[in-house]
Amino acid sequence: MNDDQLEGKWKQIRGEFKQKYGNLTDDDTTYSEGKFDEMLGRMQEKTGKNKEELKREIDKW
């Protein structure tokens, strides 16, 4: 899955991701165009997962 597909899918599943990781805020999971990697970085800090782990988890949803 490329970043464009991942970004589109993210809009559909961000609520589920916030439920699973309760310490994530709206700011942490908000995607701004061209800043998807930055968002993943914030999520990495809060979840302790690496970028690829997060992408795989998103892919599963």
C-alpha atoms as a PDB file:
ATOM      1  CA  MET A   1       0.000   0.000   0.000  1.00  0.00           C
ATOM      2  CA  ASN A   2       1.472   3.371  -0.962  1.00  0.00           C
ATOM      3  CA  ASP A   3       1.297   6.538   1.138  1.00  0.00           C
ATOM      4  CA  ASP A   4      -1.650   7.968  -0.839  1.00  0.00           C
ATOM      5  CA  GLN A   5      -3.712   4.837  -0.209  1.00  0.00           C
ATOM      6  CA  LEU A   6      -2.621   4.807   3.420  1.00  0.00           C
ATOM      7  CA  GLU A   7      -3.699   8.424   3.860  1.00  0.00           C
ATOM      8  CA  GLY A   8      -7.128   7.711   2.399  1.00  0.00           C
ATOM      9  CA  LYS A   9      -7.615   4.648   4.531  1.00  0.00           C
ATOM     10  CA  TRP A  10      -6.466   6.536   7.595  1.00  0.00           C
ATOM     11  CA  LYS A  11      -9.435   8.862   7.364  1.00  0.00           C
ATOM     12  CA  GLN A  12     -11.687   5.829   7.717  1.00  0.00           C
ATOM     13  CA  ILE A  13      -9.985   4.200  10.699  1.00  0.00           C
ATOM     14  CA  ARG A  14      -8.495   6.941  12.867  1.00  0.00           C
ATOM     15  CA  GLY A  15     -11.331   6.659  15.402  1.00  0.00           C
ATOM     16  CA  GLU A  16     -10.664   2.972  15.904  1.00  0.00           C
ATOM     17  CA  PHE A  17      -6.953   3.672  16.300  1.00  0.00           C
ATOM     18  CA  LYS A  18      -7.638   6.325  18.960  1.00  0.00           C
ATOM     19  CA  GLN A  19      -9.829   3.860  20.847  1.00  0.00           C
ATOM     20  CA  LYS A  20      -7.082   1.245  20.844  1.00  0.00           C
ATOM     21  CA  TYR A  21      -4.413   3.724  21.939  1.00  0.00           C
ATOM     22  CA  GLY A  22      -6.278   5.911  24.423  1.00  0.00           C
ATOM     23  CA  ASN A  23      -3.378   8.305  24.905  1.00  0.00           C
ATOM     24  CA  LEU A  24      -3.620   9.541  21.295  1.00  0.00           C
ATOM     25  CA  THR A  25      -5.342  12.883  20.827  1.00  0.00           C
ATOM     26  CA  ASP A  26      -7.106  14.406  17.830  1.00  0.00           C
ATOM     27  CA  ASP A  27      -3.955  16.442  17.200  1.00  0.00           C
ATOM     28  CA  ASP A  28      -1.863  13.252  17.140  1.00  0.00           C
ATOM     29  CA  THR A  29      -4.088  11.584  14.574  1.00  0.00           C
ATOM     30  CA  THR A  30      -4.861  14.557  12.343  1.00  0.00           C
ATOM     31  CA  TYR A  31      -3.415  14.305   8.863  1.00  0.00           C
ATOM     32  CA  SER A  32      -2.406  17.470   7.054  1.00  0.00           C
ATOM     33  CA  GLU A  33      -1.602  17.151   3.388  1.00  0.00           C
ATOM     34  CA  GLY A  34       2.083  16.362   2.955  1.00  0.00           C
ATOM     35  CA  LYS A  35       2.529  15.662   6.663  1.00  0.00           C
ATOM     36  CA  PHE A  36       1.526  12.009   6.937  1.00  0.00           C
ATOM     37  CA  ASP A  37       5.025  10.987   8.057  1.00  0.00           C
ATOM     38  CA  GLU A  38       4.968  13.702  10.709  1.00  0.00           C
ATOM     39  CA  MET A  39       1.686  12.328  12.038  1.00  0.00           C
ATOM     40  CA  LEU A  40       3.125   8.813  12.111  1.00  0.00           C
ATOM     41  CA  GLY A  41       6.113  10.175  14.048  1.00  0.00           C
ATOM     42  CA  ARG A  42       3.845  11.625  16.735  1.00  0.00           C
ATOM     43  CA  MET A  43       2.034   8.313  16.938  1.00  0.00           C
ATOM     44  CA  GLN A  44       5.318   6.421  17.192  1.00  0.00           C
ATOM     45  CA  GLU A  45       6.269   8.473  20.243  1.00  0.00           C
ATOM     46  CA  LYS A  46       2.981   7.749  22.002  1.00  0.00           C
ATOM     47  CA  THR A  47       2.569   4.068  21.070  1.00  0.00           C
ATOM     48  CA  GLY A  48       6.203   2.916  21.106  1.00  0.00           C
ATOM     49  CA  LYS A  49       5.737   1.274  17.688  1.00  0.00           C
ATOM     50  CA  ASN A  50       7.886   1.940  14.637  1.00  0.00           C
ATOM     51  CA  LYS A  51       6.562   3.418  11.397  1.00  0.00           C
ATOM     52  CA  GLU A  52       6.331   0.071   9.607  1.00  0.00           C
ATOM     53  CA  GLU A  53       4.474  -1.532  12.524  1.00  0.00           C
ATOM     54  CA  LEU A  54       1.948   1.294  12.473  1.00  0.00           C
ATOM     55  CA  LYS A  55       1.505   1.013   8.689  1.00  0.00           C
ATOM     56  CA  ARG A  56       0.959  -2.756   8.977  1.00  0.00           C
ATOM     57  CA  GLU A  57      -1.605  -2.227  11.731  1.00  0.00           C
ATOM     58  CA  ILE A  58      -3.428   0.323   9.559  1.00  0.00           C
ATOM     59  CA  ASP A  59      -3.333  -2.128   6.646  1.00  0.00           C
ATOM     60  CA  LYS A  60      -5.098  -4.757   8.778  1.00  0.00           C
ATOM     61  CA  TRP A  61      -8.069  -2.436   9.299  1.00  0.00           C
END
